[in-house]
Amino acid sequence: MKKVLWGMLLLFLVACSNNDENADQNQSEQEKEPVTEEEQDKTESEQEQYHEPITVEDFPNAFLEGNFEAIYNQMSEEFKNMVTFDQFKVLGIDFNQNVQGFKLISEMPYQNVTEYQWLSDQGDKGIRGHFSDDLTIHGLQLMLISSHPETDKEYTQNTYQMPFKGEWFTFWGGTNELVNYHYALENQRYAYDLMIVKDGYSFDGDPTDNESYFVYGKDVIAPNGGVVVSVENGIEDNTPTVDTNAENPLGNHVIIEHDHNEYSVIAHLRPGSLEVTEGDVVETGDLLGQVGNSGNSSEPHIHFHAADGPNWAEATSIRIKFEGDKNPVRGDSVIGFEE
């Protein structure tokens, strides 16, 4: 039953409001009850334990020690409307089994919250939490983490550059599902989703307008020289935050064959923007097209990975060797070609 709750109900809990008002109300109700001096001391001790906000630094230990009531009290009201305390406690107790500690592996400010990610000592469980500045917890995700250490150590024989100009942002990337949701899929395991973020936001203006996104229309560059073996240029962009195109997951794309039977896959390009066709020979740094929001994409960005075959859906993803031996993960800024 616990694992059913994990998988079906509570793995991803997201909410948006502050629970300070509710906490104040609960405290006021407690103060109305007549108590003895001994009871008052106990009540004050309990309030200190359960109502003093848990800091981000203390959160993993509080969770592991089973201080679920304090954590639950720190959740937003939307969270509490989605799950009862008893349900949350059951999940927490089950999740903590065989865990000795959690280590912070990623921190990423995004929009009005900061995302923190912790990995268990065995590397098989992860926690993703979204905290606002007042320490309200707006989202919490408990994840079972897979591991592929053999392929994690295998890199492309070619050395690549990021396929853009200037400084961008790694939204997904890394070697576990906490930092890279692609990791569970063999054909995309070492993929990157890349965009431009300013002051924690990827857009300015109407979030349903592709033109509002900083990355939209930016040049996409060949990460290495080779021969173009697949292109698509006529799939319409999606409306951001409204729809995606799962039937054509790559959307407008370019696949390039490189030396050593390696293929770069770059997806979600702007319709009509491609500068190359099948059979073209491209050099490192050549213009391929522009960033769009086509395919299985909820907002403008590019998807980039290397594979061992031209049929990306059936090929195996290879971890990319970058110049300078860089290995960006979720939340990292990355530098492409010089502007």
C-alpha atoms as a PDB file:
ATOM      1  CA  MET A   1       0.000   0.000   0.000  1.00  0.00           C
ATOM      2  CA  LYS A   2       2.867   2.376   0.823  1.00  0.00           C
ATOM      3  CA  LYS A   3       4.431   1.903  -2.589  1.00  0.00           C
ATOM      4  CA  VAL A   4       1.069   2.499  -4.253  1.00  0.00           C
ATOM      5  CA  LEU A   5       0.846   5.821  -2.415  1.00  0.00           C
ATOM      6  CA  TRP A   6       4.375   6.625  -3.533  1.00  0.00           C
ATOM      7  CA  GLY A   7       3.738   5.906  -7.178  1.00  0.00           C
ATOM      8  CA  MET A   8       0.178   7.088  -7.611  1.00  0.00           C
ATOM      9  CA  LEU A   9      -0.485   9.906  -5.213  1.00  0.00           C
ATOM     10  CA  LEU A  10       2.361  11.778  -3.616  1.00  0.00           C
ATOM     11  CA  LEU A  11       5.600  11.623  -5.533  1.00  0.00           C
ATOM     12  CA  PHE A  12       5.197  15.188  -6.732  1.00  0.00           C
ATOM     13  CA  LEU A  13       3.463  17.667  -4.472  1.00  0.00           C
ATOM     14  CA  VAL A  14       3.361  21.283  -5.572  1.00  0.00           C
ATOM     15  CA  ALA A  15       1.601  24.228  -4.012  1.00  0.00           C
ATOM     16  CA  CYS A  16       1.907  27.990  -3.962  1.00  0.00           C
ATOM     17  CA  SER A  17       0.652  29.774  -0.850  1.00  0.00           C
ATOM     18  CA  ASN A  18       2.163  30.715   2.497  1.00  0.00           C
ATOM     19  CA  ASN A  19       0.963  28.852   5.588  1.00  0.00           C
ATOM     20  CA  ASP A  20       1.882  31.531   8.136  1.00  0.00           C
ATOM     21  CA  GLU A  21      -1.759  32.551   8.568  1.00  0.00           C
ATOM     22  CA  ASN A  22      -2.763  28.987   9.330  1.00  0.00           C
ATOM     23  CA  ALA A  23       0.093  28.572  11.797  1.00  0.00           C
ATOM     24  CA  ASP A  24      -0.915  31.764  13.613  1.00  0.00           C
ATOM     25  CA  GLN A  25      -4.521  30.564  13.779  1.00  0.00           C
ATOM     26  CA  ASN A  26      -3.481  27.217  15.267  1.00  0.00           C
ATOM     27  CA  GLN A  27      -1.385  28.964  17.872  1.00  0.00           C
ATOM     28  CA  SER A  28      -4.251  31.283  18.807  1.00  0.00           C
ATOM     29  CA  GLU A  29      -6.551  28.310  19.329  1.00  0.00           C
ATOM     30  CA  GLN A  30      -4.000  26.690  21.609  1.00  0.00           C
ATOM     31  CA  GLU A  31      -3.673  29.834  23.679  1.00  0.00           C
ATOM     32  CA  LYS A  32      -7.437  29.829  24.355  1.00  0.00           C
ATOM     33  CA  GLU A  33      -7.196  26.505  26.240  1.00  0.00           C
ATOM     34  CA  PRO A  34      -6.512  26.823  29.992  1.00  0.00           C
ATOM     35  CA  VAL A  35      -3.311  24.965  30.836  1.00  0.00           C
ATOM     36  CA  THR A  36      -1.236  24.236  33.917  1.00  0.00           C
ATOM     37  CA  GLU A  37       2.307  25.531  34.260  1.00  0.00           C
ATOM     38  CA  GLU A  38       3.620  22.058  33.406  1.00  0.00           C
ATOM     39  CA  GLU A  39       1.373  21.862  30.377  1.00  0.00           C
ATOM     40  CA  GLN A  40       2.392  25.379  29.340  1.00  0.00           C
ATOM     41  CA  ASP A  41       6.086  24.401  29.419  1.00  0.00           C
ATOM     42  CA  LYS A  42       5.275  21.316  27.334  1.00  0.00           C
ATOM     43  CA  THR A  43       3.216  23.342  24.889  1.00  0.00           C
ATOM     44  CA  GLU A  44       5.983  25.895  24.447  1.00  0.00           C
ATOM     45  CA  SER A  45       8.469  23.077  23.874  1.00  0.00           C
ATOM     46  CA  GLU A  46       6.205  21.508  21.256  1.00  0.00           C
ATOM     47  CA  GLN A  47       5.690  24.852  19.545  1.00  0.00           C
ATOM     48  CA  GLU A  48       9.439  25.370  19.418  1.00  0.00           C
ATOM     49  CA  GLN A  49       9.836  21.903  17.913  1.00  0.00           C
ATOM     50  CA  TYR A  50       7.020  22.049  15.399  1.00  0.00           C
ATOM     51  CA  HIS A  51       6.535  25.721  14.527  1.00  0.00           C
ATOM     52  CA  GLU A  52      10.080  27.054  14.289  1.00  0.00           C
ATOM     53  CA  PRO A  53      10.833  26.947  10.558  1.00  0.00           C
ATOM     54  CA  ILE A  54      13.309  24.308   9.513  1.00  0.00           C
ATOM     55  CA  THR A  55      16.158  25.805   7.511  1.00  0.00           C
ATOM     56  CA  VAL A  56      17.238  24.384   4.190  1.00  0.00           C
ATOM     57  CA  GLU A  57      20.477  23.228   5.829  1.00  0.00           C
ATOM     58  CA  ASP A  58      18.581  21.326   8.532  1.00  0.00           C
ATOM     59  CA  PHE A  59      15.869  19.900   6.267  1.00  0.00           C
ATOM     60  CA  PRO A  60      17.547  16.582   5.280  1.00  0.00           C
ATOM     61  CA  ASN A  61      18.329  15.694   8.891  1.00  0.00           C
ATOM     62  CA  ALA A  62      14.847  16.711  10.027  1.00  0.00           C
ATOM     63  CA  PHE A  63      13.322  14.480   7.366  1.00  0.00           C
ATOM     64  CA  LEU A  64      15.603  11.549   8.168  1.00  0.00           C
ATOM     65  CA  GLU A  65      14.952  11.889  11.909  1.00  0.00           C
ATOM     66  CA  GLY A  66      11.218  11.675  11.271  1.00  0.00           C
ATOM     67  CA  ASN A  67      10.342  15.246  12.224  1.00  0.00           C
ATOM     68  CA  PHE A  68       7.453  15.061   9.756  1.00  0.00           C
ATOM     69  CA  GLU A  69       5.044  17.225  11.713  1.00  0.00           C
ATOM     70  CA  ALA A  70       7.430  20.181  11.646  1.00  0.00           C
ATOM     71  CA  ILE A  71       7.960  19.709   7.912  1.00  0.00           C
ATOM     72  CA  TYR A  72       4.244  19.343   7.265  1.00  0.00           C
ATOM     73  CA  ASN A  73       3.487  22.525   9.222  1.00  0.00           C
ATOM     74  CA  GLN A  74       5.939  24.311   6.946  1.00  0.00           C
ATOM     75  CA  MET A  75       4.112  23.239   3.802  1.00  0.00           C
ATOM     76  CA  SER A  76       1.810  25.584   1.922  1.00  0.00           C
ATOM     77  CA  GLU A  77      -1.950  25.254   2.275  1.00  0.00           C
ATOM     78  CA  GLU A  78      -2.296  23.773  -1.211  1.00  0.00           C
ATOM     79  CA  PHE A  79       0.037  20.975  -0.207  1.00  0.00           C
ATOM     80  CA  LYS A  80      -2.035  20.224   2.873  1.00  0.00           C
ATOM     81  CA  ASN A  81      -5.189  20.142   0.794  1.00  0.00           C
ATOM     82  CA  MET A  82      -3.594  17.485  -1.418  1.00  0.00           C
ATOM     83  CA  VAL A  83      -2.296  15.153   1.284  1.00  0.00           C
ATOM     84  CA  THR A  84      -3.030  14.543   4.939  1.00  0.00           C
ATOM     85  CA  PHE A  85      -0.341  14.508   7.577  1.00  0.00           C
ATOM     86  CA  ASP A  86      -0.836  10.771   8.147  1.00  0.00           C
ATOM     87  CA  GLN A  87      -0.302  10.059   4.442  1.00  0.00           C
ATOM     88  CA  PHE A  88       2.810  12.218   4.387  1.00  0.00           C
ATOM     89  CA  LYS A  89       4.184  10.494   7.473  1.00  0.00           C
ATOM     90  CA  VAL A  90       3.649   7.013   5.990  1.00  0.00           C
ATOM     91  CA  LEU A  91       5.543   8.055   2.866  1.00  0.00           C
ATOM     92  CA  GLY A  92       8.369   9.571   4.877  1.00  0.00           C
ATOM     93  CA  ILE A  93       8.867   6.553   7.127  1.00  0.00           C
ATOM     94  CA  ASP A  94       8.891   4.190   4.158  1.00  0.00           C
ATOM     95  CA  PHE A  95      11.231   6.408   2.147  1.00  0.00           C
ATOM     96  CA  ASN A  96      13.767   6.678   4.981  1.00  0.00           C
ATOM     97  CA  GLN A  97      14.285   2.923   5.269  1.00  0.00           C
ATOM     98  CA  ASN A  98      17.967   1.946   4.867  1.00  0.00           C
ATOM     99  CA  VAL A  99      19.033   5.586   4.487  1.00  0.00           C
ATOM    100  CA  GLN A 100      21.831   6.915   6.712  1.00  0.00           C
ATOM    101  CA  GLY A 101      22.004  10.419   5.312  1.00  0.00           C
ATOM    102  CA  PHE A 102      21.158  12.835   2.491  1.00  0.00           C
ATOM    103  CA  LYS A 103      23.679  15.081   0.714  1.00  0.00           C
ATOM    104  CA  LEU A 104      22.844  18.315  -1.106  1.00  0.00           C
ATOM    105  CA  ILE A 105      23.842  17.912  -4.768  1.00  0.00           C
ATOM    106  CA  SER A 106      22.091  20.795  -6.517  1.00  0.00           C
ATOM    107  CA  GLU A 107      20.699  24.262  -5.761  1.00  0.00           C
ATOM    108  CA  MET A 108      18.792  26.235  -8.383  1.00  0.00           C
ATOM    109  CA  PRO A 109      16.886  29.515  -8.007  1.00  0.00           C
ATOM    110  CA  TYR A 110      13.994  29.480 -10.436  1.00  0.00           C
ATOM    111  CA  GLN A 111      11.131  31.966 -10.632  1.00  0.00           C
ATOM    112  CA  ASN A 112       9.948  32.722  -7.076  1.00  0.00           C
ATOM    113  CA  VAL A 113      11.453  29.683  -5.334  1.00  0.00           C
ATOM    114  CA  THR A 114      14.772  27.916  -4.922  1.00  0.00           C
ATOM    115  CA  GLU A 115      15.012  24.233  -5.752  1.00  0.00           C
ATOM    116  CA  TYR A 116      17.229  22.006  -3.597  1.00  0.00           C
ATOM    117  CA  GLN A 117      18.057  18.393  -4.341  1.00  0.00           C
ATOM    118  CA  TRP A 118      19.428  15.825  -1.922  1.00  0.00           C
ATOM    119  CA  LEU A 119      20.781  12.358  -2.726  1.00  0.00           C
ATOM    120  CA  SER A 120      20.876   9.492  -0.235  1.00  0.00           C
ATOM    121  CA  ASP A 121      24.154   7.965   0.955  1.00  0.00           C
ATOM    122  CA  GLN A 122      23.527   4.866  -1.172  1.00  0.00           C
ATOM    123  CA  GLY A 123      22.638   6.984  -4.207  1.00  0.00           C
ATOM    124  CA  ASP A 124      19.315   5.188  -4.671  1.00  0.00           C
ATOM    125  CA  LYS A 125      16.885   7.798  -3.301  1.00  0.00           C
ATOM    126  CA  GLY A 126      16.512  11.514  -3.843  1.00  0.00           C
ATOM    127  CA  ILE A 127      14.511  14.441  -2.489  1.00  0.00           C
ATOM    128  CA  ARG A 128      13.650  17.558  -4.491  1.00  0.00           C
ATOM    129  CA  GLY A 129      12.226  20.486  -2.526  1.00  0.00           C
ATOM    130  CA  HIS A 130      11.080  23.967  -3.552  1.00  0.00           C
ATOM    131  CA  PHE A 131      11.509  26.628  -0.851  1.00  0.00           C
ATOM    132  CA  SER A 132      10.530  30.291  -0.891  1.00  0.00           C
ATOM    133  CA  ASP A 133      12.528  32.935   0.962  1.00  0.00           C
ATOM    134  CA  ASP A 134      10.298  32.607   4.048  1.00  0.00           C
ATOM    135  CA  LEU A 135      11.077  28.834   4.103  1.00  0.00           C
ATOM    136  CA  THR A 136       7.590  27.794   3.036  1.00  0.00           C
ATOM    137  CA  ILE A 137       7.888  24.482   1.180  1.00  0.00           C
ATOM    138  CA  HIS A 138       5.919  24.733  -2.061  1.00  0.00           C
ATOM    139  CA  GLY A 139       6.872  21.410  -3.593  1.00  0.00           C
ATOM    140  CA  LEU A 140       8.348  18.134  -2.465  1.00  0.00           C
ATOM    141  CA  GLN A 141       9.287  15.142  -4.612  1.00  0.00           C
ATOM    142  CA  LEU A 142      10.554  11.789  -3.308  1.00  0.00           C
ATOM    143  CA  MET A 143      12.281   9.729  -5.969  1.00  0.00           C
ATOM    144  CA  LEU A 144      13.812   6.301  -6.395  1.00  0.00           C
ATOM    145  CA  ILE A 145      17.089   6.805  -8.278  1.00  0.00           C
ATOM    146  CA  SER A 146      18.503   4.376 -10.831  1.00  0.00           C
ATOM    147  CA  SER A 147      22.219   3.953 -11.391  1.00  0.00           C
ATOM    148  CA  HIS A 148      24.272   3.126 -14.483  1.00  0.00           C
ATOM    149  CA  PRO A 149      27.906   3.517 -13.354  1.00  0.00           C
ATOM    150  CA  GLU A 150      29.344   1.611 -16.313  1.00  0.00           C
ATOM    151  CA  THR A 151      27.945   3.931 -18.980  1.00  0.00           C
ATOM    152  CA  ASP A 152      28.447   6.988 -16.751  1.00  0.00           C
ATOM    153  CA  LYS A 153      32.182   6.425 -17.236  1.00  0.00           C
ATOM    154  CA  GLU A 154      31.990   6.088 -21.017  1.00  0.00           C
ATOM    155  CA  TYR A 155      32.293   9.322 -22.996  1.00  0.00           C
ATOM    156  CA  THR A 156      32.108  10.172 -26.676  1.00  0.00           C
ATOM    157  CA  GLN A 157      35.382   9.787 -28.555  1.00  0.00           C
ATOM    158  CA  ASN A 158      34.824  13.159 -30.188  1.00  0.00           C
ATOM    159  CA  THR A 159      34.992  16.383 -28.204  1.00  0.00           C
ATOM    160  CA  TYR A 160      31.965  18.657 -28.588  1.00  0.00           C
ATOM    161  CA  GLN A 161      30.954  22.229 -27.819  1.00  0.00           C
ATOM    162  CA  MET A 162      27.553  23.368 -26.631  1.00  0.00           C
ATOM    163  CA  PRO A 163      25.470  24.189 -29.747  1.00  0.00           C
ATOM    164  CA  PHE A 164      24.855  27.885 -29.112  1.00  0.00           C
ATOM    165  CA  LYS A 165      26.569  31.216 -28.604  1.00  0.00           C
ATOM    166  CA  GLY A 166      27.220  32.866 -25.266  1.00  0.00           C
ATOM    167  CA  GLU A 167      26.039  31.832 -21.795  1.00  0.00           C
ATOM    168  CA  TRP A 168      22.991  29.624 -21.338  1.00  0.00           C
ATOM    169  CA  PHE A 169      21.416  27.632 -18.521  1.00  0.00           C
ATOM    170  CA  THR A 170      21.282  23.874 -17.925  1.00  0.00           C
ATOM    171  CA  PHE A 171      17.668  23.082 -17.054  1.00  0.00           C
ATOM    172  CA  TRP A 172      18.174  19.297 -17.200  1.00  0.00           C
ATOM    173  CA  GLY A 173      21.515  17.509 -17.257  1.00  0.00           C
ATOM    174  CA  GLY A 174      23.560  15.085 -15.179  1.00  0.00           C
ATOM    175  CA  THR A 175      23.833  11.455 -14.170  1.00  0.00           C
ATOM    176  CA  ASN A 176      20.740  10.789 -12.089  1.00  0.00           C
ATOM    177  CA  GLU A 177      17.012  11.483 -12.283  1.00  0.00           C
ATOM    178  CA  LEU A 178      17.186  14.277  -9.701  1.00  0.00           C
ATOM    179  CA  VAL A 179      19.146  16.532 -12.039  1.00  0.00           C
ATOM    180  CA  ASN A 180      18.204  14.942 -15.358  1.00  0.00           C
ATOM    181  CA  TYR A 181      14.783  13.453 -15.988  1.00  0.00           C
ATOM    182  CA  HIS A 182      16.119  11.913 -19.232  1.00  0.00           C
ATOM    183  CA  TYR A 183      18.410   9.607 -17.250  1.00  0.00           C
ATOM    184  CA  ALA A 184      15.877   6.801 -16.900  1.00  0.00           C
ATOM    185  CA  LEU A 185      15.678   6.464 -20.703  1.00  0.00           C
ATOM    186  CA  GLU A 186      18.570   4.664 -22.390  1.00  0.00           C
ATOM    187  CA  ASN A 187      18.116   6.553 -25.658  1.00  0.00           C
ATOM    188  CA  GLN A 188      18.296   9.965 -23.919  1.00  0.00           C
ATOM    189  CA  ARG A 189      20.202   9.181 -20.717  1.00  0.00           C
ATOM    190  CA  TYR A 190      22.865  11.879 -21.096  1.00  0.00           C
ATOM    191  CA  ALA A 191      20.730  14.504 -22.814  1.00  0.00           C
ATOM    192  CA  TYR A 192      20.640  18.208 -21.936  1.00  0.00           C
ATOM    193  CA  ASP A 193      17.762  20.668 -22.018  1.00  0.00           C
ATOM    194  CA  LEU A 194      19.185  24.159 -22.445  1.00  0.00           C
ATOM    195  CA  MET A 195      17.676  27.643 -22.239  1.00  0.00           C
ATOM    196  CA  ILE A 196      18.453  31.214 -21.203  1.00  0.00           C
ATOM    197  CA  VAL A 197      17.497  32.351 -17.708  1.00  0.00           C
ATOM    198  CA  LYS A 198      17.689  35.884 -16.298  1.00  0.00           C
ATOM    199  CA  ASP A 199      17.102  36.591 -12.601  1.00  0.00           C
ATOM    200  CA  GLY A 200      15.544  33.165 -12.194  1.00  0.00           C
ATOM    201  CA  TYR A 201      13.093  33.514 -15.089  1.00  0.00           C
ATOM    202  CA  SER A 202      13.193  32.124 -18.627  1.00  0.00           C
ATOM    203  CA  PHE A 203      10.749  34.732 -19.972  1.00  0.00           C
ATOM    204  CA  ASP A 204       9.570  38.303 -19.574  1.00  0.00           C
ATOM    205  CA  GLY A 205       5.978  39.123 -20.408  1.00  0.00           C
ATOM    206  CA  ASP A 206       3.207  36.805 -21.510  1.00  0.00           C
ATOM    207  CA  PRO A 207       4.224  33.196 -20.624  1.00  0.00           C
ATOM    208  CA  THR A 208       1.979  31.846 -23.400  1.00  0.00           C
ATOM    209  CA  ASP A 209       3.872  33.798 -26.095  1.00  0.00           C
ATOM    210  CA  ASN A 210       7.020  32.154 -27.479  1.00  0.00           C
ATOM    211  CA  GLU A 211       8.464  35.584 -28.201  1.00  0.00           C
ATOM    212  CA  SER A 212       8.486  36.299 -24.442  1.00  0.00           C
ATOM    213  CA  TYR A 213      11.216  33.701 -23.868  1.00  0.00           C
ATOM    214  CA  PHE A 214      14.817  34.908 -23.853  1.00  0.00           C
ATOM    215  CA  VAL A 215      16.069  31.902 -25.802  1.00  0.00           C
ATOM    216  CA  TYR A 216      13.447  31.927 -28.549  1.00  0.00           C
ATOM    217  CA  GLY A 217      14.936  32.551 -31.997  1.00  0.00           C
ATOM    218  CA  LYS A 218      18.554  32.303 -30.822  1.00  0.00           C
ATOM    219  CA  ASP A 219      21.040  30.675 -33.199  1.00  0.00           C
ATOM    220  CA  VAL A 220      21.726  26.946 -32.884  1.00  0.00           C
ATOM    221  CA  ILE A 221      25.265  25.940 -33.875  1.00  0.00           C
ATOM    222  CA  ALA A 222      26.865  22.672 -35.021  1.00  0.00           C
ATOM    223  CA  PRO A 223      28.645  21.232 -31.939  1.00  0.00           C
ATOM    224  CA  ASN A 224      31.097  19.302 -34.138  1.00  0.00           C
ATOM    225  CA  GLY A 225      31.737  18.766 -37.816  1.00  0.00           C
ATOM    226  CA  GLY A 226      29.986  16.037 -39.789  1.00  0.00           C
ATOM    227  CA  VAL A 227      27.250  15.143 -42.253  1.00  0.00           C
ATOM    228  CA  VAL A 228      23.579  16.016 -41.706  1.00  0.00           C
ATOM    229  CA  VAL A 229      21.575  12.763 -41.817  1.00  0.00           C
ATOM    230  CA  SER A 230      18.130  13.901 -40.648  1.00  0.00           C
ATOM    231  CA  VAL A 231      16.195  17.170 -40.569  1.00  0.00           C
ATOM    232  CA  GLU A 232      12.650  18.369 -39.940  1.00  0.00           C
ATOM    233  CA  ASN A 233      11.680  21.968 -40.582  1.00  0.00           C
ATOM    234  CA  GLY A 234       7.897  22.182 -40.858  1.00  0.00           C
ATOM    235  CA  ILE A 235       6.401  21.374 -37.452  1.00  0.00           C
ATOM    236  CA  GLU A 236       4.561  24.266 -35.813  1.00  0.00           C
ATOM    237  CA  ASP A 237       5.691  25.654 -32.473  1.00  0.00           C
ATOM    238  CA  ASN A 238       3.602  24.850 -29.420  1.00  0.00           C
ATOM    239  CA  THR A 239       1.930  27.456 -27.239  1.00  0.00           C
ATOM    240  CA  PRO A 240       4.103  27.641 -24.108  1.00  0.00           C
ATOM    241  CA  THR A 241       2.524  26.241 -20.914  1.00  0.00           C
ATOM    242  CA  VAL A 242      -0.561  25.241 -22.941  1.00  0.00           C
ATOM    243  CA  ASP A 243       0.259  22.330 -25.253  1.00  0.00           C
ATOM    244  CA  THR A 244       3.000  19.992 -26.472  1.00  0.00           C
ATOM    245  CA  ASN A 245       3.401  17.687 -29.464  1.00  0.00           C
ATOM    246  CA  ALA A 246       4.068  14.181 -28.156  1.00  0.00           C
ATOM    247  CA  GLU A 247       3.393  12.651 -31.589  1.00  0.00           C
ATOM    248  CA  ASN A 248       6.533  14.341 -32.948  1.00  0.00           C
ATOM    249  CA  PRO A 249       8.784  14.386 -29.864  1.00  0.00           C
ATOM    250  CA  LEU A 250      11.861  15.976 -31.485  1.00  0.00           C
ATOM    251  CA  GLY A 251       9.836  18.539 -33.400  1.00  0.00           C
ATOM    252  CA  ASN A 252      12.015  20.416 -35.864  1.00  0.00           C
ATOM    253  CA  HIS A 253      15.495  18.965 -35.504  1.00  0.00           C
ATOM    254  CA  VAL A 254      18.923  18.260 -36.930  1.00  0.00           C
ATOM    255  CA  ILE A 255      20.852  15.000 -36.540  1.00  0.00           C
ATOM    256  CA  ILE A 256      24.522  15.060 -37.562  1.00  0.00           C
ATOM    257  CA  GLU A 257      26.785  12.057 -38.150  1.00  0.00           C
ATOM    258  CA  HIS A 258      30.285  12.614 -36.750  1.00  0.00           C
ATOM    259  CA  ASP A 259      33.467  10.556 -36.688  1.00  0.00           C
ATOM    260  CA  HIS A 260      33.534   7.304 -34.668  1.00  0.00           C
ATOM    261  CA  ASN A 261      29.891   6.501 -35.435  1.00  0.00           C
ATOM    262  CA  GLU A 262      28.604   9.257 -33.135  1.00  0.00           C
ATOM    263  CA  TYR A 263      25.490  11.307 -33.827  1.00  0.00           C
ATOM    264  CA  SER A 264      24.431  14.606 -32.287  1.00  0.00           C
ATOM    265  CA  VAL A 265      20.694  15.175 -31.872  1.00  0.00           C
ATOM    266  CA  ILE A 266      19.423  18.757 -31.535  1.00  0.00           C
ATOM    267  CA  ALA A 267      15.676  19.209 -31.191  1.00  0.00           C
ATOM    268  CA  HIS A 268      12.758  21.665 -30.700  1.00  0.00           C
ATOM    269  CA  LEU A 269      13.867  24.150 -33.351  1.00  0.00           C
ATOM    270  CA  ARG A 270      11.798  26.967 -34.836  1.00  0.00           C
ATOM    271  CA  PRO A 271       9.765  26.050 -37.923  1.00  0.00           C
ATOM    272  CA  GLY A 272      11.282  27.291 -41.159  1.00  0.00           C
ATOM    273  CA  SER A 273      14.541  28.304 -39.482  1.00  0.00           C
ATOM    274  CA  LEU A 274      16.803  25.436 -40.557  1.00  0.00           C
ATOM    275  CA  GLU A 275      19.819  26.390 -42.677  1.00  0.00           C
ATOM    276  CA  VAL A 276      20.819  22.799 -43.541  1.00  0.00           C
ATOM    277  CA  THR A 277      19.340  19.840 -45.384  1.00  0.00           C
ATOM    278  CA  GLU A 278      20.081  16.112 -45.413  1.00  0.00           C
ATOM    279  CA  GLY A 279      23.487  15.360 -46.940  1.00  0.00           C
ATOM    280  CA  ASP A 280      25.015  18.735 -46.098  1.00  0.00           C
ATOM    281  CA  VAL A 281      28.545  18.712 -44.712  1.00  0.00           C
ATOM    282  CA  VAL A 282      28.866  21.063 -41.741  1.00  0.00           C
ATOM    283  CA  GLU A 283      31.864  22.330 -39.823  1.00  0.00           C
ATOM    284  CA  THR A 284      32.043  22.968 -36.103  1.00  0.00           C
ATOM    285  CA  GLY A 285      30.336  26.301 -35.462  1.00  0.00           C
ATOM    286  CA  ASP A 286      28.158  26.371 -38.594  1.00  0.00           C
ATOM    287  CA  LEU A 287      24.651  27.769 -38.211  1.00  0.00           C
ATOM    288  CA  LEU A 288      21.968  25.036 -38.113  1.00  0.00           C
ATOM    289  CA  GLY A 289      18.802  26.985 -37.296  1.00  0.00           C
ATOM    290  CA  GLN A 290      17.048  28.791 -34.464  1.00  0.00           C
ATOM    291  CA  VAL A 291      15.596  27.828 -31.091  1.00  0.00           C
ATOM    292  CA  GLY A 292      11.877  27.124 -31.151  1.00  0.00           C
ATOM    293  CA  ASN A 293       9.231  25.291 -29.153  1.00  0.00           C
ATOM    294  CA  SER A 294       8.287  22.420 -31.466  1.00  0.00           C
ATOM    295  CA  GLY A 295       7.807  18.765 -30.559  1.00  0.00           C
ATOM    296  CA  ASN A 296       7.425  17.490 -27.018  1.00  0.00           C
ATOM    297  CA  SER A 297       8.309  20.838 -25.505  1.00  0.00           C
ATOM    298  CA  SER A 298       6.418  23.015 -23.039  1.00  0.00           C
ATOM    299  CA  GLU A 299       8.517  26.167 -23.544  1.00  0.00           C
ATOM    300  CA  PRO A 300      11.292  27.316 -25.894  1.00  0.00           C
ATOM    301  CA  HIS A 301      14.594  25.493 -25.381  1.00  0.00           C
ATOM    302  CA  ILE A 302      16.821  23.006 -27.158  1.00  0.00           C
ATOM    303  CA  HIS A 303      17.370  19.336 -26.436  1.00  0.00           C
ATOM    304  CA  PHE A 304      20.910  18.096 -27.131  1.00  0.00           C
ATOM    305  CA  HIS A 305      22.403  14.623 -26.831  1.00  0.00           C
ATOM    306  CA  ALA A 306      24.856  12.289 -28.531  1.00  0.00           C
ATOM    307  CA  ALA A 307      23.915   8.783 -29.703  1.00  0.00           C
ATOM    308  CA  ASP A 308      25.534   5.711 -31.228  1.00  0.00           C
ATOM    309  CA  GLY A 309      23.150   5.544 -34.192  1.00  0.00           C
ATOM    310  CA  PRO A 310      21.100   7.764 -36.514  1.00  0.00           C
ATOM    311  CA  ASN A 311      17.741   6.411 -35.310  1.00  0.00           C
ATOM    312  CA  TRP A 312      17.607   8.319 -32.038  1.00  0.00           C
ATOM    313  CA  ALA A 313      14.622   6.388 -30.668  1.00  0.00           C
ATOM    314  CA  GLU A 314      16.451   3.047 -30.932  1.00  0.00           C
ATOM    315  CA  ALA A 315      20.016   4.249 -30.338  1.00  0.00           C
ATOM    316  CA  THR A 316      21.886   4.484 -27.042  1.00  0.00           C
ATOM    317  CA  SER A 317      22.753   7.856 -25.567  1.00  0.00           C
ATOM    318  CA  ILE A 318      26.466   8.503 -24.933  1.00  0.00           C
ATOM    319  CA  ARG A 319      27.820  10.853 -22.283  1.00  0.00           C
ATOM    320  CA  ILE A 320      29.264  13.872 -24.086  1.00  0.00           C
ATOM    321  CA  LYS A 321      32.907  14.838 -23.744  1.00  0.00           C
ATOM    322  CA  PHE A 322      33.123  18.635 -23.758  1.00  0.00           C
ATOM    323  CA  GLU A 323      36.110  20.900 -24.193  1.00  0.00           C
ATOM    324  CA  GLY A 324      37.759  21.477 -20.830  1.00  0.00           C
ATOM    325  CA  ASP A 325      36.243  18.244 -19.464  1.00  0.00           C
ATOM    326  CA  LYS A 326      33.199  20.138 -18.261  1.00  0.00           C
ATOM    327  CA  ASN A 327      30.214  18.140 -16.975  1.00  0.00           C
ATOM    328  CA  PRO A 328      27.321  20.569 -16.432  1.00  0.00           C
ATOM    329  CA  VAL A 329      24.333  19.531 -14.335  1.00  0.00           C
ATOM    330  CA  ARG A 330      20.913  21.023 -13.651  1.00  0.00           C
ATOM    331  CA  GLY A 331      21.244  24.628 -12.520  1.00  0.00           C
ATOM    332  CA  ASP A 332      24.703  25.234 -14.019  1.00  0.00           C
ATOM    333  CA  SER A 333      25.498  28.066 -16.391  1.00  0.00           C
ATOM    334  CA  VAL A 334      27.230  26.858 -19.550  1.00  0.00           C
ATOM    335  CA  ILE A 335      29.244  28.649 -22.205  1.00  0.00           C
ATOM    336  CA  GLY A 336      28.917  27.877 -25.900  1.00  0.00           C
ATOM    337  CA  PHE A 337      30.670  29.506 -28.845  1.00  0.00           C
ATOM    338  CA  GLU A 338      31.909  33.071 -28.619  1.00  0.00           C
ATOM    339  CA  GLU A 339      29.312  35.635 -29.636  1.00  0.00           C
END
